[in-house]
Amino acid sequence: MENDYKALTNSAELLKVLAHPVRLCIVRGLLDNGGCNVTFMQNCLDMPQSTISQHLQKLRSVGIIEGERNGLEINYRVVNNKVEKIIKALEI
């Protein structure tokens, strides 16, 4: 058994952030579309922009996604390969 608690803690934090249906939906949508902006997500999820932004902040805080500014909008994409494998394993 490994005692690498730092790696295990990082993995647990990643899973905690993903353990929300809206965040899973956002990540799956980003993977399916290769990335998108908040307005696109807002239209797909039928949620307020502020709610989506809060979820994006959580995903950004653990390095699951990154945003790239393009004029007035920010396009988000998944940058963590582990997350892509997790989503595929969940078959969602």
PDB file of N, CA and C in Angstrom:
ATOM      1  N   MET A   1       0.849  -1.172   0.000  1.00  0.00           N
ATOM      2  CA  MET A   1       0.000   0.000   0.000  1.00  0.00           C
ATOM      3  C   MET A   1       0.897   1.238   0.000  1.00  0.00           C
ATOM      4  N   GLU A   2       0.532   2.226  -0.786  1.00  0.00           N
ATOM      5  CA  GLU A   2       1.316   3.458  -0.889  1.00  0.00           C
ATOM      6  C   GLU A   2       0.970   4.440   0.213  1.00  0.00           C
ATOM      7  N   ASN A   3       1.943   5.200   0.621  1.00  0.00           N
ATOM      8  CA  ASN A   3       1.719   6.254   1.611  1.00  0.00           C
ATOM      9  C   ASN A   3       1.883   7.630   1.000  1.00  0.00           C
ATOM     10  N   ASP A   4       1.615   7.761  -0.279  1.00  0.00           N
ATOM     11  CA  ASP A   4       1.759   9.042  -0.955  1.00  0.00           C
ATOM     12  C   ASP A   4       0.463   9.840  -0.778  1.00  0.00           C
ATOM     13  N   TYR A   5       0.306  10.395   0.420  1.00  0.00           N
ATOM     14  CA  TYR A   5      -0.939  11.083   0.755  1.00  0.00           C
ATOM     15  C   TYR A   5      -1.155  12.344  -0.064  1.00  0.00           C
ATOM     16  N   LYS A   6      -0.083  12.996  -0.495  1.00  0.00           N
ATOM     17  CA  LYS A   6      -0.244  14.213  -1.292  1.00  0.00           C
ATOM     18  C   LYS A   6      -0.938  13.888  -2.614  1.00  0.00           C
ATOM     19  N   ALA A   7      -0.487  12.848  -3.295  1.00  0.00           N
ATOM     20  CA  ALA A   7      -1.115  12.442  -4.554  1.00  0.00           C
ATOM     21  C   ALA A   7      -2.552  11.998  -4.315  1.00  0.00           C
ATOM     22  N   LEU A   8      -2.769  11.264  -3.238  1.00  0.00           N
ATOM     23  CA  LEU A   8      -4.125  10.811  -2.926  1.00  0.00           C
ATOM     24  C   LEU A   8      -5.028  11.987  -2.568  1.00  0.00           C
ATOM     25  N   THR A   9      -4.481  12.962  -1.863  1.00  0.00           N
ATOM     26  CA  THR A   9      -5.257  14.158  -1.514  1.00  0.00           C
ATOM     27  C   THR A   9      -5.635  14.930  -2.768  1.00  0.00           C
ATOM     28  N   ASN A  10      -4.694  15.065  -3.703  1.00  0.00           N
ATOM     29  CA  ASN A  10      -4.990  15.765  -4.957  1.00  0.00           C
ATOM     30  C   ASN A  10      -6.068  15.038  -5.756  1.00  0.00           C
ATOM     31  N   SER A  11      -5.983  13.727  -5.802  1.00  0.00           N
ATOM     32  CA  SER A  11      -6.997  12.942  -6.522  1.00  0.00           C
ATOM     33  C   SER A  11      -8.360  13.066  -5.855  1.00  0.00           C
ATOM     34  N   ALA A  12      -8.378  13.024  -4.529  1.00  0.00           N
ATOM     35  CA  ALA A  12      -9.645  13.147  -3.802  1.00  0.00           C
ATOM     36  C   ALA A  12     -10.271  14.515  -4.048  1.00  0.00           C
ATOM     37  N   GLU A  13      -9.462  15.562  -4.065  1.00  0.00           N
ATOM     38  CA  GLU A  13      -9.975  16.915  -4.323  1.00  0.00           C
ATOM     39  C   GLU A  13     -10.550  17.020  -5.728  1.00  0.00           C
ATOM     40  N   LEU A  14      -9.883  16.429  -6.683  1.00  0.00           N
ATOM     41  CA  LEU A  14     -10.364  16.410  -8.061  1.00  0.00           C
ATOM     42  C   LEU A  14     -11.724  15.730  -8.135  1.00  0.00           C
ATOM     43  N   LEU A  15     -11.857  14.584  -7.473  1.00  0.00           N
ATOM     44  CA  LEU A  15     -13.125  13.856  -7.479  1.00  0.00           C
ATOM     45  C   LEU A  15     -14.227  14.626  -6.755  1.00  0.00           C
ATOM     46  N   LYS A  16     -13.876  15.317  -5.676  1.00  0.00           N
ATOM     47  CA  LYS A  16     -14.877  16.120  -4.948  1.00  0.00           C
ATOM     48  C   LYS A  16     -15.443  17.216  -5.838  1.00  0.00           C
ATOM     49  N   VAL A  17     -14.565  17.864  -6.592  1.00  0.00           N
ATOM     50  CA  VAL A  17     -15.033  18.945  -7.467  1.00  0.00           C
ATOM     51  C   VAL A  17     -15.912  18.384  -8.582  1.00  0.00           C
ATOM     52  N   LEU A  18     -15.561  17.232  -9.091  1.00  0.00           N
ATOM     53  CA  LEU A  18     -16.365  16.618 -10.164  1.00  0.00           C
ATOM     54  C   LEU A  18     -17.689  16.046  -9.656  1.00  0.00           C
ATOM     55  N   ALA A  19     -17.810  15.843  -8.360  1.00  0.00           N
ATOM     56  CA  ALA A  19     -18.980  15.164  -7.789  1.00  0.00           C
ATOM     57  C   ALA A  19     -20.188  16.080  -7.666  1.00  0.00           C
ATOM     58  N   HIS A  20     -20.471  16.814  -8.711  1.00  0.00           N
ATOM     59  CA  HIS A  20     -21.661  17.669  -8.767  1.00  0.00           C
ATOM     60  C   HIS A  20     -22.234  17.534 -10.175  1.00  0.00           C
ATOM     61  N   PRO A  21     -23.537  17.294 -10.307  1.00  0.00           N
ATOM     62  CA  PRO A  21     -24.109  17.037 -11.631  1.00  0.00           C
ATOM     63  C   PRO A  21     -23.901  18.176 -12.627  1.00  0.00           C
ATOM     64  N   VAL A  22     -23.972  19.413 -12.175  1.00  0.00           N
ATOM     65  CA  VAL A  22     -23.786  20.540 -13.096  1.00  0.00           C
ATOM     66  C   VAL A  22     -22.343  20.581 -13.585  1.00  0.00           C
ATOM     67  N   ARG A  23     -21.396  20.370 -12.680  1.00  0.00           N
ATOM     68  CA  ARG A  23     -19.992  20.401 -13.090  1.00  0.00           C
ATOM     69  C   ARG A  23     -19.667  19.229 -14.019  1.00  0.00           C
ATOM     70  N   LEU A  24     -20.249  18.056 -13.751  1.00  0.00           N
ATOM     71  CA  LEU A  24     -20.067  16.928 -14.671  1.00  0.00           C
ATOM     72  C   LEU A  24     -20.624  17.263 -16.052  1.00  0.00           C
ATOM     73  N   CYS A  25     -21.764  17.908 -16.077  1.00  0.00           N
ATOM     74  CA  CYS A  25     -22.384  18.296 -17.342  1.00  0.00           C
ATOM     75  C   CYS A  25     -21.509  19.309 -18.089  1.00  0.00           C
ATOM     76  N   ILE A  26     -20.968  20.274 -17.360  1.00  0.00           N
ATOM     77  CA  ILE A  26     -20.094  21.279 -17.978  1.00  0.00           C
ATOM     78  C   ILE A  26     -18.861  20.609 -18.571  1.00  0.00           C
ATOM     79  N   VAL A  27     -18.222  19.745 -17.796  1.00  0.00           N
ATOM     80  CA  VAL A  27     -17.003  19.083 -18.271  1.00  0.00           C
ATOM     81  C   VAL A  27     -17.306  18.209 -19.483  1.00  0.00           C
ATOM     82  N   ARG A  28     -18.365  17.448 -19.417  1.00  0.00           N
ATOM     83  CA  ARG A  28     -18.738  16.605 -20.560  1.00  0.00           C
ATOM     84  C   ARG A  28     -19.009  17.453 -21.799  1.00  0.00           C
ATOM     85  N   GLY A  29     -19.714  18.574 -21.612  1.00  0.00           N
ATOM     86  CA  GLY A  29     -19.997  19.461 -22.732  1.00  0.00           C
ATOM     87  C   GLY A  29     -18.732  20.073 -23.320  1.00  0.00           C
ATOM     88  N   LEU A  30     -17.805  20.462 -22.457  1.00  0.00           N
ATOM     89  CA  LEU A  30     -16.538  21.013 -22.942  1.00  0.00           C
ATOM     90  C   LEU A  30     -15.755  19.968 -23.724  1.00  0.00           C
ATOM     91  N   LEU A  31     -15.756  18.738 -23.233  1.00  0.00           N
ATOM     92  CA  LEU A  31     -15.059  17.664 -23.948  1.00  0.00           C
ATOM     93  C   LEU A  31     -15.731  17.369 -25.280  1.00  0.00           C
ATOM     94  N   ASP A  32     -17.053  17.331 -25.293  1.00  0.00           N
ATOM     95  CA  ASP A  32     -17.790  17.032 -26.524  1.00  0.00           C
ATOM     96  C   ASP A  32     -17.621  18.119 -27.578  1.00  0.00           C
ATOM     97  N   ASN A  33     -17.548  19.386 -27.130  1.00  0.00           N
ATOM     98  CA  ASN A  33     -17.482  20.513 -28.065  1.00  0.00           C
ATOM     99  C   ASN A  33     -16.075  21.050 -28.274  1.00  0.00           C
ATOM    100  N   GLY A  34     -15.110  20.527 -27.557  1.00  0.00           N
ATOM    101  CA  GLY A  34     -13.749  21.030 -27.670  1.00  0.00           C
ATOM    102  C   GLY A  34     -13.560  22.374 -26.985  1.00  0.00           C
ATOM    103  N   GLY A  35     -14.554  22.802 -26.227  1.00  0.00           N
ATOM    104  CA  GLY A  35     -14.508  24.074 -25.504  1.00  0.00           C
ATOM    105  C   GLY A  35     -15.668  24.960 -25.908  1.00  0.00           C
ATOM    106  N   CYS A  36     -15.983  25.930 -25.076  1.00  0.00           N
ATOM    107  CA  CYS A  36     -17.044  26.896 -25.381  1.00  0.00           C
ATOM    108  C   CYS A  36     -17.013  28.026 -24.350  1.00  0.00           C
ATOM    109  N   ASN A  37     -17.878  29.003 -24.562  1.00  0.00           N
ATOM    110  CA  ASN A  37     -17.947  30.144 -23.643  1.00  0.00           C
ATOM    111  C   ASN A  37     -19.153  30.014 -22.711  1.00  0.00           C
ATOM    112  N   VAL A  38     -19.246  30.939 -21.749  1.00  0.00           N
ATOM    113  CA  VAL A  38     -20.305  30.881 -20.743  1.00  0.00           C
ATOM    114  C   VAL A  38     -21.684  31.047 -21.375  1.00  0.00           C
ATOM    115  N   THR A  39     -21.805  31.900 -22.368  1.00  0.00           N
ATOM    116  CA  THR A  39     -23.107  32.110 -23.013  1.00  0.00           C
ATOM    117  C   THR A  39     -23.624  30.816 -23.627  1.00  0.00           C
ATOM    118  N   PHE A  40     -22.751  30.068 -24.276  1.00  0.00           N
ATOM    119  CA  PHE A  40     -23.140  28.784 -24.853  1.00  0.00           C
ATOM    120  C   PHE A  40     -23.612  27.835 -23.756  1.00  0.00           C
ATOM    121  N   MET A  41     -22.839  27.780 -22.648  1.00  0.00           N
ATOM    122  CA  MET A  41     -23.215  26.915 -21.528  1.00  0.00           C
ATOM    123  C   MET A  41     -24.544  27.343 -20.929  1.00  0.00           C
ATOM    124  N   GLN A  42     -24.731  28.649 -20.804  1.00  0.00           N
ATOM    125  CA  GLN A  42     -25.956  29.193 -20.224  1.00  0.00           C
ATOM    126  C   GLN A  42     -27.164  28.776 -21.059  1.00  0.00           C
ATOM    127  N   ASN A  43     -27.039  28.830 -22.360  1.00  0.00           N
ATOM    128  CA  ASN A  43     -28.142  28.430 -23.239  1.00  0.00           C
ATOM    129  C   ASN A  43     -28.411  26.929 -23.160  1.00  0.00           C
ATOM    130  N   CYS A  44     -27.355  26.128 -23.067  1.00  0.00           N
ATOM    131  CA  CYS A  44     -27.516  24.668 -22.997  1.00  0.00           C
ATOM    132  C   CYS A  44     -28.089  24.215 -21.662  1.00  0.00           C
ATOM    133  N   LEU A  45     -27.612  24.830 -20.574  1.00  0.00           N
ATOM    134  CA  LEU A  45     -27.994  24.384 -19.237  1.00  0.00           C
ATOM    135  C   LEU A  45     -29.224  25.101 -18.693  1.00  0.00           C
ATOM    136  N   ASP A  46     -29.623  26.186 -19.335  1.00  0.00           N
ATOM    137  CA  ASP A  46     -30.757  26.995 -18.879  1.00  0.00           C
ATOM    138  C   ASP A  46     -30.579  27.412 -17.415  1.00  0.00           C
ATOM    139  N   MET A  47     -29.411  27.980 -17.139  1.00  0.00           N
ATOM    140  CA  MET A  47     -29.067  28.444 -15.793  1.00  0.00           C
ATOM    141  C   MET A  47     -28.525  29.864 -15.890  1.00  0.00           C
ATOM    142  N   PRO A  48     -28.606  30.598 -14.786  1.00  0.00           N
ATOM    143  CA  PRO A  48     -28.043  31.949 -14.783  1.00  0.00           C
ATOM    144  C   PRO A  48     -26.527  31.925 -14.981  1.00  0.00           C
ATOM    145  N   GLN A  49     -26.027  32.973 -15.587  1.00  0.00           N
ATOM    146  CA  GLN A  49     -24.596  33.102 -15.841  1.00  0.00           C
ATOM    147  C   GLN A  49     -23.794  33.039 -14.545  1.00  0.00           C
ATOM    148  N   SER A  50     -24.318  33.630 -13.488  1.00  0.00           N
ATOM    149  CA  SER A  50     -23.597  33.652 -12.217  1.00  0.00           C
ATOM    150  C   SER A  50     -23.413  32.244 -11.650  1.00  0.00           C
ATOM    151  N   THR A  51     -24.414  31.393 -11.802  1.00  0.00           N
ATOM    152  CA  THR A  51     -24.322  30.010 -11.320  1.00  0.00           C
ATOM    153  C   THR A  51     -23.264  29.244 -12.097  1.00  0.00           C
ATOM    154  N   ILE A  52     -23.276  29.391 -13.398  1.00  0.00           N
ATOM    155  CA  ILE A  52     -22.284  28.705 -14.233  1.00  0.00           C
ATOM    156  C   ILE A  52     -20.879  29.202 -13.905  1.00  0.00           C
ATOM    157  N   SER A  53     -20.734  30.494 -13.704  1.00  0.00           N
ATOM    158  CA  SER A  53     -19.423  31.059 -13.368  1.00  0.00           C
ATOM    159  C   SER A  53     -18.891  30.502 -12.052  1.00  0.00           C
ATOM    160  N   GLN A  54     -19.759  30.288 -11.081  1.00  0.00           N
ATOM    161  CA  GLN A  54     -19.330  29.709  -9.807  1.00  0.00           C
ATOM    162  C   GLN A  54     -18.812  28.282 -10.006  1.00  0.00           C
ATOM    163  N   HIS A  55     -19.502  27.519 -10.832  1.00  0.00           N
ATOM    164  CA  HIS A  55     -19.056  26.156 -11.113  1.00  0.00           C
ATOM    165  C   HIS A  55     -17.737  26.169 -11.890  1.00  0.00           C
ATOM    166  N   LEU A  56     -17.605  27.083 -12.827  1.00  0.00           N
ATOM    167  CA  LEU A  56     -16.359  27.196 -13.587  1.00  0.00           C
ATOM    168  C   LEU A  56     -15.189  27.534 -12.669  1.00  0.00           C
ATOM    169  N   GLN A  57     -15.427  28.401 -11.688  1.00  0.00           N
ATOM    170  CA  GLN A  57     -14.377  28.762 -10.737  1.00  0.00           C
ATOM    171  C   GLN A  57     -13.889  27.533  -9.979  1.00  0.00           C
ATOM    172  N   LYS A  58     -14.814  26.684  -9.545  1.00  0.00           N
ATOM    173  CA  LYS A  58     -14.432  25.449  -8.842  1.00  0.00           C
ATOM    174  C   LYS A  58     -13.584  24.552  -9.744  1.00  0.00           C
ATOM    175  N   LEU A  59     -14.019  24.403 -10.994  1.00  0.00           N
ATOM    176  CA  LEU A  59     -13.289  23.559 -11.941  1.00  0.00           C
ATOM    177  C   LEU A  59     -11.906  24.132 -12.240  1.00  0.00           C
ATOM    178  N   ARG A  60     -11.820  25.442 -12.335  1.00  0.00           N
ATOM    179  CA  ARG A  60     -10.528  26.111 -12.574  1.00  0.00           C
ATOM    180  C   ARG A  60      -9.601  25.969 -11.374  1.00  0.00           C
ATOM    181  N   SER A  61     -10.161  26.034 -10.180  1.00  0.00           N
ATOM    182  CA  SER A  61      -9.344  26.041  -8.956  1.00  0.00           C
ATOM    183  C   SER A  61      -8.524  24.760  -8.772  1.00  0.00           C
ATOM    184  N   VAL A  62      -8.969  23.653  -9.339  1.00  0.00           N
ATOM    185  CA  VAL A  62      -8.218  22.399  -9.222  1.00  0.00           C
ATOM    186  C   VAL A  62      -7.548  21.996 -10.535  1.00  0.00           C
ATOM    187  N   GLY A  63      -7.559  22.893 -11.507  1.00  0.00           N
ATOM    188  CA  GLY A  63      -6.845  22.645 -12.752  1.00  0.00           C
ATOM    189  C   GLY A  63      -7.536  21.734 -13.737  1.00  0.00           C
ATOM    190  N   ILE A  64      -8.857  21.645 -13.644  1.00  0.00           N
ATOM    191  CA  ILE A  64      -9.593  20.811 -14.598  1.00  0.00           C
ATOM    192  C   ILE A  64      -9.783  21.543 -15.916  1.00  0.00           C
ATOM    193  N   ILE A  65     -10.064  22.842 -15.845  1.00  0.00           N
ATOM    194  CA  ILE A  65     -10.295  23.642 -17.051  1.00  0.00           C
ATOM    195  C   ILE A  65      -9.396  24.877 -17.034  1.00  0.00           C
ATOM    196  N   GLU A  66      -9.278  25.471 -18.208  1.00  0.00           N
ATOM    197  CA  GLU A  66      -8.616  26.765 -18.373  1.00  0.00           C
ATOM    198  C   GLU A  66      -9.460  27.599 -19.310  1.00  0.00           C
ATOM    199  N   GLY A  67      -9.350  28.901 -19.132  1.00  0.00           N
ATOM    200  CA  GLY A  67     -10.061  29.813 -20.009  1.00  0.00           C
ATOM    201  C   GLY A  67      -9.092  30.664 -20.803  1.00  0.00           C
ATOM    202  N   GLU A  68      -9.466  30.921 -22.045  1.00  0.00           N
ATOM    203  CA  GLU A  68      -8.657  31.768 -22.919  1.00  0.00           C
ATOM    204  C   GLU A  68      -9.522  32.919 -23.411  1.00  0.00           C
ATOM    205  N   ARG A  69      -9.067  34.128 -23.112  1.00  0.00           N
ATOM    206  CA  ARG A  69      -9.838  35.313 -23.485  1.00  0.00           C
ATOM    207  C   ARG A  69      -9.761  35.517 -24.994  1.00  0.00           C
ATOM    208  N   ASN A  70     -10.929  35.798 -25.573  1.00  0.00           N
ATOM    209  CA  ASN A  70     -11.046  36.106 -26.992  1.00  0.00           C
ATOM    210  C   ASN A  70     -11.952  37.316 -27.100  1.00  0.00           C
ATOM    211  N   GLY A  71     -11.371  38.517 -27.078  1.00  0.00           N
ATOM    212  CA  GLY A  71     -12.172  39.736 -27.056  1.00  0.00           C
ATOM    213  C   GLY A  71     -12.866  39.865 -25.715  1.00  0.00           C
ATOM    214  N   LEU A  72     -14.192  39.951 -25.745  1.00  0.00           N
ATOM    215  CA  LEU A  72     -14.965  40.110 -24.515  1.00  0.00           C
ATOM    216  C   LEU A  72     -15.351  38.783 -23.864  1.00  0.00           C
ATOM    217  N   GLU A  73     -15.164  37.693 -24.573  1.00  0.00           N
ATOM    218  CA  GLU A  73     -15.578  36.411 -24.006  1.00  0.00           C
ATOM    219  C   GLU A  73     -14.373  35.535 -23.679  1.00  0.00           C
ATOM    220  N   ILE A  74     -14.627  34.568 -22.810  1.00  0.00           N
ATOM    221  CA  ILE A  74     -13.598  33.599 -22.432  1.00  0.00           C
ATOM    222  C   ILE A  74     -14.073  32.227 -22.876  1.00  0.00           C
ATOM    223  N   ASN A  75     -13.241  31.549 -23.638  1.00  0.00           N
ATOM    224  CA  ASN A  75     -13.543  30.190 -24.073  1.00  0.00           C
ATOM    225  C   ASN A  75     -12.833  29.215 -23.143  1.00  0.00           C
ATOM    226  N   TYR A  76     -13.614  28.302 -22.581  1.00  0.00           N
ATOM    227  CA  TYR A  76     -13.092  27.333 -21.629  1.00  0.00           C
ATOM    228  C   TYR A  76     -12.875  25.998 -22.314  1.00  0.00           C
ATOM    229  N   ARG A  77     -11.871  25.266 -21.808  1.00  0.00           N
ATOM    230  CA  ARG A  77     -11.595  23.921 -22.317  1.00  0.00           C
ATOM    231  C   ARG A  77     -11.026  23.079 -21.191  1.00  0.00           C
ATOM    232  N   VAL A  78     -11.186  21.773 -21.300  1.00  0.00           N
ATOM    233  CA  VAL A  78     -10.646  20.838 -20.313  1.00  0.00           C
ATOM    234  C   VAL A  78      -9.160  20.652 -20.599  1.00  0.00           C
ATOM    235  N   VAL A  79      -8.342  20.777 -19.557  1.00  0.00           N
ATOM    236  CA  VAL A  79      -6.889  20.650 -19.720  1.00  0.00           C
ATOM    237  C   VAL A  79      -6.302  19.502 -18.894  1.00  0.00           C
ATOM    238  N   ASN A  80      -7.139  18.771 -18.184  1.00  0.00           N
ATOM    239  CA  ASN A  80      -6.671  17.695 -17.329  1.00  0.00           C
ATOM    240  C   ASN A  80      -7.029  16.350 -17.975  1.00  0.00           C
ATOM    241  N   ASN A  81      -6.012  15.604 -18.401  1.00  0.00           N
ATOM    242  CA  ASN A  81      -6.245  14.322 -19.078  1.00  0.00           C
ATOM    243  C   ASN A  81      -6.904  13.295 -18.169  1.00  0.00           C
ATOM    244  N   LYS A  82      -6.624  13.354 -16.875  1.00  0.00           N
ATOM    245  CA  LYS A  82      -7.254  12.415 -15.938  1.00  0.00           C
ATOM    246  C   LYS A  82      -8.767  12.579 -15.950  1.00  0.00           C
ATOM    247  N   VAL A  83      -9.211  13.822 -16.043  1.00  0.00           N
ATOM    248  CA  VAL A  83     -10.654  14.099 -16.031  1.00  0.00           C
ATOM    249  C   VAL A  83     -11.311  13.512 -17.269  1.00  0.00           C
ATOM    250  N   GLU A  84     -10.657  13.622 -18.396  1.00  0.00           N
ATOM    251  CA  GLU A  84     -11.213  13.043 -19.621  1.00  0.00           C
ATOM    252  C   GLU A  84     -11.373  11.534 -19.463  1.00  0.00           C
ATOM    253  N   LYS A  85     -10.399  10.883 -18.858  1.00  0.00           N
ATOM    254  CA  LYS A  85     -10.481   9.437 -18.616  1.00  0.00           C
ATOM    255  C   LYS A  85     -11.606   9.107 -17.640  1.00  0.00           C
ATOM    256  N   ILE A  86     -11.777   9.938 -16.615  1.00  0.00           N
ATOM    257  CA  ILE A  86     -12.847   9.718 -15.636  1.00  0.00           C
ATOM    258  C   ILE A  86     -14.212   9.817 -16.305  1.00  0.00           C
ATOM    259  N   ILE A  87     -14.405  10.842 -17.122  1.00  0.00           N
ATOM    260  CA  ILE A  87     -15.690  11.038 -17.813  1.00  0.00           C
ATOM    261  C   ILE A  87     -15.974   9.853 -18.740  1.00  0.00           C
ATOM    262  N   LYS A  88     -14.970   9.406 -19.470  1.00  0.00           N
ATOM    263  CA  LYS A  88     -15.145   8.250 -20.348  1.00  0.00           C
ATOM    264  C   LYS A  88     -15.482   6.997 -19.552  1.00  0.00           C
ATOM    265  N   ALA A  89     -14.830   6.824 -18.396  1.00  0.00           N
ATOM    266  CA  ALA A  89     -15.088   5.647 -17.566  1.00  0.00           C
ATOM    267  C   ALA A  89     -16.508   5.664 -17.003  1.00  0.00           C
ATOM    268  N   LEU A  90     -17.039   6.853 -16.736  1.00  0.00           N
ATOM    269  CA  LEU A  90     -18.409   6.970 -16.225  1.00  0.00           C
ATOM    270  C   LEU A  90     -19.450   6.732 -17.319  1.00  0.00           C
ATOM    271  N   GLU A  91     -19.018   6.794 -18.574  1.00  0.00           N
ATOM    272  CA  GLU A  91     -19.907   6.593 -19.716  1.00  0.00           C
ATOM    273  C   GLU A  91     -21.099   7.534 -19.700  1.00  0.00           C
ATOM    274  N   ILE A  92     -20.796   8.830 -19.447  1.00  0.00           N
ATOM    275  CA  ILE A  92     -21.866   9.829 -19.468  1.00  0.00           C
ATOM    276  C   ILE A  92     -21.719  10.745 -20.652  1.00  0.00           C
TER     277      ILE A  92
END
